[in-house]
Amino acid sequence: ARVSLFIACTSVFLIAIIGTTIGIVAGYKSGWVDIVIGRATDLLLAFPFILMLIALSPVLTQRLEAMGLSPENSRIAYLIIVFAFFSWPYLARLIRGQVLSLREREFVEAAIANGAPTRRILFREVLPNLWAPIIVYVTISLPTLIAAEAALSYLGVGIVEPTPSWGKMLADSVRYFAVVPTYLFIPGTALFIVVYAFNVFGDAVRDAL
């Protein structure tokens, strides 16, 4: 749980910062800035996510180990980097759509008329009105990333020993299922409960906001 939650929470934090910043700029600036950002997000969304995670694993983990990280920490850093890199376009598109409607609102026009700089308009006027979709996206993304980390560890491209992982435990339990079935059911149940709990929490936050 510690490793899965650390990877998911850190990834979501980076996704929120990158996706929100790029989405606000694209939605408010429009023009060629919006076009360039839009094509970049389309390009990233076109990549097969899981396939790229598997393909990039040996290359990036070796680079991270060459920078001085241990094999365990390099896998954790690799998952965080790749999760954040391939996931921010979804949030950026969501934020861009919200900003397109917010920039026509009276309080934004009033700030422009008062001569407020663009940075203040974006982060003092527009951003406070985006917390609801950001929080909803974060709470819904957490269980997805926890499940993705478990799936990658199950396939052997995620967390490696001696760091424990639910996905690695599920992969190891297959060999012993006939003798010790609890080796499969206990980590599987723990993973199910955590993912289900975050999904319910995300739905509740979405309804509340």
C-alpha atoms as a PDB file:
ATOM      1  CA  ALA A   1       0.000   0.000   0.000  1.00  0.00           C
ATOM      2  CA  ARG A   2       2.807   2.416   0.859  1.00  0.00           C
ATOM      3  CA  VAL A   3       4.539   2.054  -2.504  1.00  0.00           C
ATOM      4  CA  SER A   4       1.334   2.061  -4.553  1.00  0.00           C
ATOM      5  CA  LEU A   5      -0.060   5.137  -2.812  1.00  0.00           C
ATOM      6  CA  PHE A   6       3.260   6.994  -3.028  1.00  0.00           C
ATOM      7  CA  ILE A   7       3.522   6.386  -6.788  1.00  0.00           C
ATOM      8  CA  ALA A   8      -0.132   7.263  -7.414  1.00  0.00           C
ATOM      9  CA  CYS A   9      -0.195  10.401  -5.227  1.00  0.00           C
ATOM     10  CA  THR A  10       3.110  11.749  -6.567  1.00  0.00           C
ATOM     11  CA  SER A  11       2.053  11.092 -10.159  1.00  0.00           C
ATOM     12  CA  VAL A  12      -1.318  12.759  -9.660  1.00  0.00           C
ATOM     13  CA  PHE A  13       0.364  15.778  -8.040  1.00  0.00           C
ATOM     14  CA  LEU A  14       2.616  16.225 -11.084  1.00  0.00           C
ATOM     15  CA  ILE A  15      -0.301  15.620 -13.462  1.00  0.00           C
ATOM     16  CA  ALA A  16      -2.355  18.285 -11.677  1.00  0.00           C
ATOM     17  CA  ILE A  17       0.428  20.888 -11.889  1.00  0.00           C
ATOM     18  CA  ILE A  18       1.387  20.209 -15.522  1.00  0.00           C
ATOM     19  CA  GLY A  19      -2.126  19.638 -16.856  1.00  0.00           C
ATOM     20  CA  THR A  20      -3.644  22.630 -15.066  1.00  0.00           C
ATOM     21  CA  THR A  21      -0.899  25.037 -16.131  1.00  0.00           C
ATOM     22  CA  ILE A  22      -0.915  23.966 -19.774  1.00  0.00           C
ATOM     23  CA  GLY A  23      -4.716  23.823 -19.914  1.00  0.00           C
ATOM     24  CA  ILE A  24      -5.114  27.342 -18.507  1.00  0.00           C
ATOM     25  CA  VAL A  25      -2.584  28.801 -20.935  1.00  0.00           C
ATOM     26  CA  ALA A  26      -4.107  26.996 -23.940  1.00  0.00           C
ATOM     27  CA  GLY A  27      -7.663  27.987 -23.075  1.00  0.00           C
ATOM     28  CA  TYR A  28      -6.924  31.622 -22.289  1.00  0.00           C
ATOM     29  CA  LYS A  29      -4.405  32.442 -25.012  1.00  0.00           C
ATOM     30  CA  SER A  30      -6.104  30.545 -27.883  1.00  0.00           C
ATOM     31  CA  GLY A  31      -4.653  31.291 -31.350  1.00  0.00           C
ATOM     32  CA  TRP A  32      -1.399  29.584 -32.309  1.00  0.00           C
ATOM     33  CA  VAL A  33      -0.585  28.767 -28.674  1.00  0.00           C
ATOM     34  CA  ASP A  34      -3.794  26.750 -28.366  1.00  0.00           C
ATOM     35  CA  ILE A  35      -3.135  25.027 -31.708  1.00  0.00           C
ATOM     36  CA  VAL A  36       0.411  23.971 -30.754  1.00  0.00           C
ATOM     37  CA  ILE A  37      -0.658  22.683 -27.341  1.00  0.00           C
ATOM     38  CA  GLY A  38      -3.663  20.941 -28.859  1.00  0.00           C
ATOM     39  CA  ARG A  39      -1.531  19.077 -31.410  1.00  0.00           C
ATOM     40  CA  ALA A  40       0.967  18.112 -28.691  1.00  0.00           C
ATOM     41  CA  THR A  41      -1.814  16.647 -26.525  1.00  0.00           C
ATOM     42  CA  ASP A  42      -3.259  14.797 -29.541  1.00  0.00           C
ATOM     43  CA  LEU A  43       0.170  13.307 -30.211  1.00  0.00           C
ATOM     44  CA  LEU A  44       0.591  12.074 -26.644  1.00  0.00           C
ATOM     45  CA  LEU A  45      -2.953  10.702 -26.494  1.00  0.00           C
ATOM     46  CA  ALA A  46      -2.276   8.705 -29.671  1.00  0.00           C
ATOM     47  CA  PHE A  47       0.454   6.628 -27.992  1.00  0.00           C
ATOM     48  CA  PRO A  48      -0.659   3.228 -26.599  1.00  0.00           C
ATOM     49  CA  PHE A  49      -0.131   3.908 -22.890  1.00  0.00           C
ATOM     50  CA  ILE A  50       0.581   0.411 -21.504  1.00  0.00           C
ATOM     51  CA  LEU A  51       2.671  -0.600 -24.520  1.00  0.00           C
ATOM     52  CA  MET A  52       4.862   2.497 -24.150  1.00  0.00           C
ATOM     53  CA  LEU A  53       5.284   1.824 -20.421  1.00  0.00           C
ATOM     54  CA  ILE A  54       6.552  -1.685 -21.147  1.00  0.00           C
ATOM     55  CA  ALA A  55       8.758  -0.621 -24.069  1.00  0.00           C
ATOM     56  CA  LEU A  56      10.418   2.301 -22.256  1.00  0.00           C
ATOM     57  CA  SER A  57      11.037   0.428 -18.996  1.00  0.00           C
ATOM     58  CA  PRO A  58      14.546  -1.021 -19.630  1.00  0.00           C
ATOM     59  CA  VAL A  59      15.868   2.143 -21.277  1.00  0.00           C
ATOM     60  CA  LEU A  60      14.686   4.679 -18.699  1.00  0.00           C
ATOM     61  CA  THR A  61      15.415   2.533 -15.653  1.00  0.00           C
ATOM     62  CA  GLN A  62      19.007   2.034 -16.842  1.00  0.00           C
ATOM     63  CA  ARG A  63      19.377   5.789 -17.323  1.00  0.00           C
ATOM     64  CA  LEU A  64      18.023   6.436 -13.822  1.00  0.00           C
ATOM     65  CA  GLU A  65      20.353   3.825 -12.322  1.00  0.00           C
ATOM     66  CA  ALA A  66      23.261   5.477 -14.142  1.00  0.00           C
ATOM     67  CA  MET A  67      22.298   8.717 -12.374  1.00  0.00           C
ATOM     68  CA  GLY A  68      22.858   7.020  -9.005  1.00  0.00           C
ATOM     69  CA  LEU A  69      19.442   5.618  -8.080  1.00  0.00           C
ATOM     70  CA  SER A  70      19.084   2.091  -6.739  1.00  0.00           C
ATOM     71  CA  PRO A  71      17.196  -0.454  -8.882  1.00  0.00           C
ATOM     72  CA  GLU A  72      14.152  -0.201  -6.580  1.00  0.00           C
ATOM     73  CA  ASN A  73      14.083   3.609  -6.550  1.00  0.00           C
ATOM     74  CA  SER A  74      14.739   3.797 -10.292  1.00  0.00           C
ATOM     75  CA  ARG A  75      11.609   1.717 -10.959  1.00  0.00           C
ATOM     76  CA  ILE A  76       9.556   3.963  -8.679  1.00  0.00           C
ATOM     77  CA  ALA A  77      10.902   7.114 -10.324  1.00  0.00           C
ATOM     78  CA  TYR A  78      10.323   5.599 -13.779  1.00  0.00           C
ATOM     79  CA  LEU A  79       6.661   4.830 -13.048  1.00  0.00           C
ATOM     80  CA  ILE A  80       6.054   8.328 -11.667  1.00  0.00           C
ATOM     81  CA  ILE A  81       7.701  10.029 -14.664  1.00  0.00           C
ATOM     82  CA  VAL A  82       5.878   7.961 -17.279  1.00  0.00           C
ATOM     83  CA  PHE A  83       2.497   8.128 -15.524  1.00  0.00           C
ATOM     84  CA  ALA A  84       2.767  11.918 -15.306  1.00  0.00           C
ATOM     85  CA  PHE A  85       4.076  12.330 -18.876  1.00  0.00           C
ATOM     86  CA  PHE A  86       1.309  10.336 -20.540  1.00  0.00           C
ATOM     87  CA  SER A  87      -1.584  11.414 -18.274  1.00  0.00           C
ATOM     88  CA  TRP A  88      -1.437  15.222 -18.146  1.00  0.00           C
ATOM     89  CA  PRO A  89      -3.104  15.714 -21.603  1.00  0.00           C
ATOM     90  CA  TYR A  90      -6.434  14.412 -20.251  1.00  0.00           C
ATOM     91  CA  LEU A  91      -6.517  17.037 -17.500  1.00  0.00           C
ATOM     92  CA  ALA A  92      -5.195  19.746 -19.835  1.00  0.00           C
ATOM     93  CA  ARG A  93      -8.094  19.166 -22.232  1.00  0.00           C
ATOM     94  CA  LEU A  94     -10.597  19.284 -19.388  1.00  0.00           C
ATOM     95  CA  ILE A  95      -9.140  22.535 -17.993  1.00  0.00           C
ATOM     96  CA  ARG A  96      -8.922  24.101 -21.464  1.00  0.00           C
ATOM     97  CA  GLY A  97     -12.640  23.558 -21.993  1.00  0.00           C
ATOM     98  CA  GLN A  98     -13.450  25.147 -18.633  1.00  0.00           C
ATOM     99  CA  VAL A  99     -11.194  28.151 -19.299  1.00  0.00           C
ATOM    100  CA  LEU A 100     -12.793  28.769 -22.715  1.00  0.00           C
ATOM    101  CA  SER A 101     -16.079  29.486 -20.929  1.00  0.00           C
ATOM    102  CA  LEU A 102     -14.548  31.287 -17.935  1.00  0.00           C
ATOM    103  CA  ARG A 103     -12.606  33.800 -20.013  1.00  0.00           C
ATOM    104  CA  GLU A 104     -15.885  35.254 -21.282  1.00  0.00           C
ATOM    105  CA  ARG A 105     -17.231  35.827 -17.769  1.00  0.00           C
ATOM    106  CA  GLU A 106     -17.692  39.321 -16.360  1.00  0.00           C
ATOM    107  CA  PHE A 107     -15.062  39.076 -13.603  1.00  0.00           C
ATOM    108  CA  VAL A 108     -12.371  38.214 -16.168  1.00  0.00           C
ATOM    109  CA  GLU A 109     -13.422  41.078 -18.433  1.00  0.00           C
ATOM    110  CA  ALA A 110     -13.375  43.397 -15.414  1.00  0.00           C
ATOM    111  CA  ALA A 111      -9.827  42.300 -14.544  1.00  0.00           C
ATOM    112  CA  ILE A 112      -8.722  42.932 -18.130  1.00  0.00           C
ATOM    113  CA  ALA A 113     -10.400  46.364 -18.107  1.00  0.00           C
ATOM    114  CA  ASN A 114      -8.549  47.231 -14.888  1.00  0.00           C
ATOM    115  CA  GLY A 115      -5.227  46.445 -16.575  1.00  0.00           C
ATOM    116  CA  ALA A 116      -4.422  43.308 -14.592  1.00  0.00           C
ATOM    117  CA  PRO A 117      -1.431  41.362 -16.008  1.00  0.00           C
ATOM    118  CA  THR A 118      -2.096  38.019 -17.689  1.00  0.00           C
ATOM    119  CA  ARG A 119      -0.424  36.059 -14.893  1.00  0.00           C
ATOM    120  CA  ARG A 120      -2.747  37.551 -12.305  1.00  0.00           C
ATOM    121  CA  ILE A 121      -5.812  36.892 -14.439  1.00  0.00           C
ATOM    122  CA  LEU A 122      -4.848  33.257 -14.968  1.00  0.00           C
ATOM    123  CA  PHE A 123      -3.819  32.322 -11.444  1.00  0.00           C
ATOM    124  CA  ARG A 124      -5.857  34.746  -9.285  1.00  0.00           C
ATOM    125  CA  GLU A 125      -9.094  35.048 -11.255  1.00  0.00           C
ATOM    126  CA  VAL A 126      -9.435  31.886 -13.372  1.00  0.00           C
ATOM    127  CA  LEU A 127      -7.654  29.199 -11.325  1.00  0.00           C
ATOM    128  CA  PRO A 128      -9.850  29.504  -8.169  1.00  0.00           C
ATOM    129  CA  ASN A 129     -12.854  28.627 -10.345  1.00  0.00           C
ATOM    130  CA  LEU A 130     -11.186  25.425 -11.553  1.00  0.00           C
ATOM    131  CA  TRP A 131     -10.650  23.663  -8.236  1.00  0.00           C
ATOM    132  CA  ALA A 132     -13.804  21.547  -8.573  1.00  0.00           C
ATOM    133  CA  PRO A 133     -12.853  19.781 -11.846  1.00  0.00           C
ATOM    134  CA  ILE A 134      -9.221  19.468 -10.723  1.00  0.00           C
ATOM    135  CA  ILE A 135     -10.164  17.779  -7.432  1.00  0.00           C
ATOM    136  CA  VAL A 136     -12.638  15.485  -9.192  1.00  0.00           C
ATOM    137  CA  TYR A 137     -10.030  14.468 -11.785  1.00  0.00           C
ATOM    138  CA  VAL A 138      -7.409  13.826  -9.090  1.00  0.00           C
ATOM    139  CA  THR A 139      -9.680  11.616  -6.992  1.00  0.00           C
ATOM    140  CA  ILE A 140     -10.789   9.620 -10.037  1.00  0.00           C
ATOM    141  CA  SER A 141      -7.212   9.244 -11.370  1.00  0.00           C
ATOM    142  CA  LEU A 142      -5.774   7.858  -8.124  1.00  0.00           C
ATOM    143  CA  PRO A 143      -7.436   4.403  -8.349  1.00  0.00           C
ATOM    144  CA  THR A 144      -6.563   4.175 -12.044  1.00  0.00           C
ATOM    145  CA  LEU A 145      -2.865   4.718 -11.317  1.00  0.00           C
ATOM    146  CA  ILE A 146      -2.886   2.329  -8.353  1.00  0.00           C
ATOM    147  CA  ALA A 147      -4.360  -0.386 -10.584  1.00  0.00           C
ATOM    148  CA  ALA A 148      -1.898   0.460 -13.386  1.00  0.00           C
ATOM    149  CA  GLU A 149       1.066   0.149 -11.013  1.00  0.00           C
ATOM    150  CA  ALA A 150      -0.201  -3.240  -9.835  1.00  0.00           C
ATOM    151  CA  ALA A 151      -0.704  -4.413 -13.430  1.00  0.00           C
ATOM    152  CA  LEU A 152       2.819  -3.375 -14.440  1.00  0.00           C
ATOM    153  CA  SER A 153       4.329  -5.044 -11.380  1.00  0.00           C
ATOM    154  CA  TYR A 154       2.370  -8.184 -12.252  1.00  0.00           C
ATOM    155  CA  LEU A 155       3.872  -8.097 -15.766  1.00  0.00           C
ATOM    156  CA  GLY A 156       7.375  -7.662 -14.333  1.00  0.00           C
ATOM    157  CA  VAL A 157       8.037  -4.069 -15.474  1.00  0.00           C
ATOM    158  CA  GLY A 158       6.942  -2.326 -12.283  1.00  0.00           C
ATOM    159  CA  ILE A 159       8.246  -2.617  -8.729  1.00  0.00           C
ATOM    160  CA  VAL A 160      11.032  -5.157  -8.205  1.00  0.00           C
ATOM    161  CA  GLU A 161      12.119  -7.065  -5.116  1.00  0.00           C
ATOM    162  CA  PRO A 162      12.847  -6.521  -2.298  1.00  0.00           C
ATOM    163  CA  THR A 163      10.245  -3.709  -2.406  1.00  0.00           C
ATOM    164  CA  PRO A 164       6.804  -5.315  -1.865  1.00  0.00           C
ATOM    165  CA  SER A 165       4.000  -4.650  -4.325  1.00  0.00           C
ATOM    166  CA  TRP A 166       0.476  -6.002  -4.665  1.00  0.00           C
ATOM    167  CA  GLY A 167       1.016  -6.730  -8.354  1.00  0.00           C
ATOM    168  CA  LYS A 168       4.261  -8.637  -7.685  1.00  0.00           C
ATOM    169  CA  MET A 169       2.563 -10.605  -4.893  1.00  0.00           C
ATOM    170  CA  LEU A 170      -0.270 -11.552  -7.266  1.00  0.00           C
ATOM    171  CA  ALA A 171       2.244 -12.691  -9.886  1.00  0.00           C
ATOM    172  CA  ASP A 172       4.142 -14.812  -7.326  1.00  0.00           C
ATOM    173  CA  SER A 173       0.939 -16.299  -5.899  1.00  0.00           C
ATOM    174  CA  VAL A 174       0.068 -18.070  -9.173  1.00  0.00           C
ATOM    175  CA  ARG A 175       2.757 -20.705  -8.529  1.00  0.00           C
ATOM    176  CA  TYR A 176       1.438 -21.465  -5.046  1.00  0.00           C
ATOM    177  CA  PHE A 177      -2.304 -21.095  -5.571  1.00  0.00           C
ATOM    178  CA  ALA A 178      -3.061 -24.828  -5.232  1.00  0.00           C
ATOM    179  CA  VAL A 179      -1.193 -24.990  -1.896  1.00  0.00           C
ATOM    180  CA  VAL A 180      -1.682 -21.518  -0.373  1.00  0.00           C
ATOM    181  CA  PRO A 181      -4.731 -19.831  -1.990  1.00  0.00           C
ATOM    182  CA  THR A 182      -4.662 -16.985   0.533  1.00  0.00           C
ATOM    183  CA  TYR A 183      -1.438 -15.790  -1.112  1.00  0.00           C
ATOM    184  CA  LEU A 184      -3.647 -14.724  -4.038  1.00  0.00           C
ATOM    185  CA  PHE A 185      -6.783 -13.603  -2.203  1.00  0.00           C
ATOM    186  CA  ILE A 186      -5.230 -11.356   0.470  1.00  0.00           C
ATOM    187  CA  PRO A 187      -3.263  -8.938  -1.802  1.00  0.00           C
ATOM    188  CA  GLY A 188      -6.032  -9.156  -4.424  1.00  0.00           C
ATOM    189  CA  THR A 189      -8.666  -8.197  -1.845  1.00  0.00           C
ATOM    190  CA  ALA A 190      -6.505  -5.363  -0.487  1.00  0.00           C
ATOM    191  CA  LEU A 191      -6.011  -3.977  -4.002  1.00  0.00           C
ATOM    192  CA  PHE A 192      -9.726  -4.266  -4.752  1.00  0.00           C
ATOM    193  CA  ILE A 193     -10.743  -2.471  -1.546  1.00  0.00           C
ATOM    194  CA  VAL A 194      -8.331   0.436  -2.083  1.00  0.00           C
ATOM    195  CA  VAL A 195      -9.293   0.946  -5.735  1.00  0.00           C
ATOM    196  CA  TYR A 196     -13.005   0.634  -4.944  1.00  0.00           C
ATOM    197  CA  ALA A 197     -12.731   3.059  -2.015  1.00  0.00           C
ATOM    198  CA  PHE A 198     -11.037   5.718  -4.138  1.00  0.00           C
ATOM    199  CA  ASN A 199     -13.601   5.247  -6.909  1.00  0.00           C
ATOM    200  CA  VAL A 200     -16.470   5.761  -4.454  1.00  0.00           C
ATOM    201  CA  PHE A 201     -14.671   8.765  -2.970  1.00  0.00           C
ATOM    202  CA  GLY A 202     -14.155  10.232  -6.449  1.00  0.00           C
ATOM    203  CA  ASP A 203     -17.837   9.794  -7.290  1.00  0.00           C
ATOM    204  CA  ALA A 204     -18.832  11.470  -4.017  1.00  0.00           C
ATOM    205  CA  VAL A 205     -16.523  14.423  -4.645  1.00  0.00           C
ATOM    206  CA  ARG A 206     -17.833  14.787  -8.203  1.00  0.00           C
ATOM    207  CA  ASP A 207     -21.437  14.832  -6.934  1.00  0.00           C
ATOM    208  CA  ALA A 208     -20.596  17.303  -4.161  1.00  0.00           C
ATOM    209  CA  LEU A 209     -18.770  19.739  -6.434  1.00  0.00           C
END
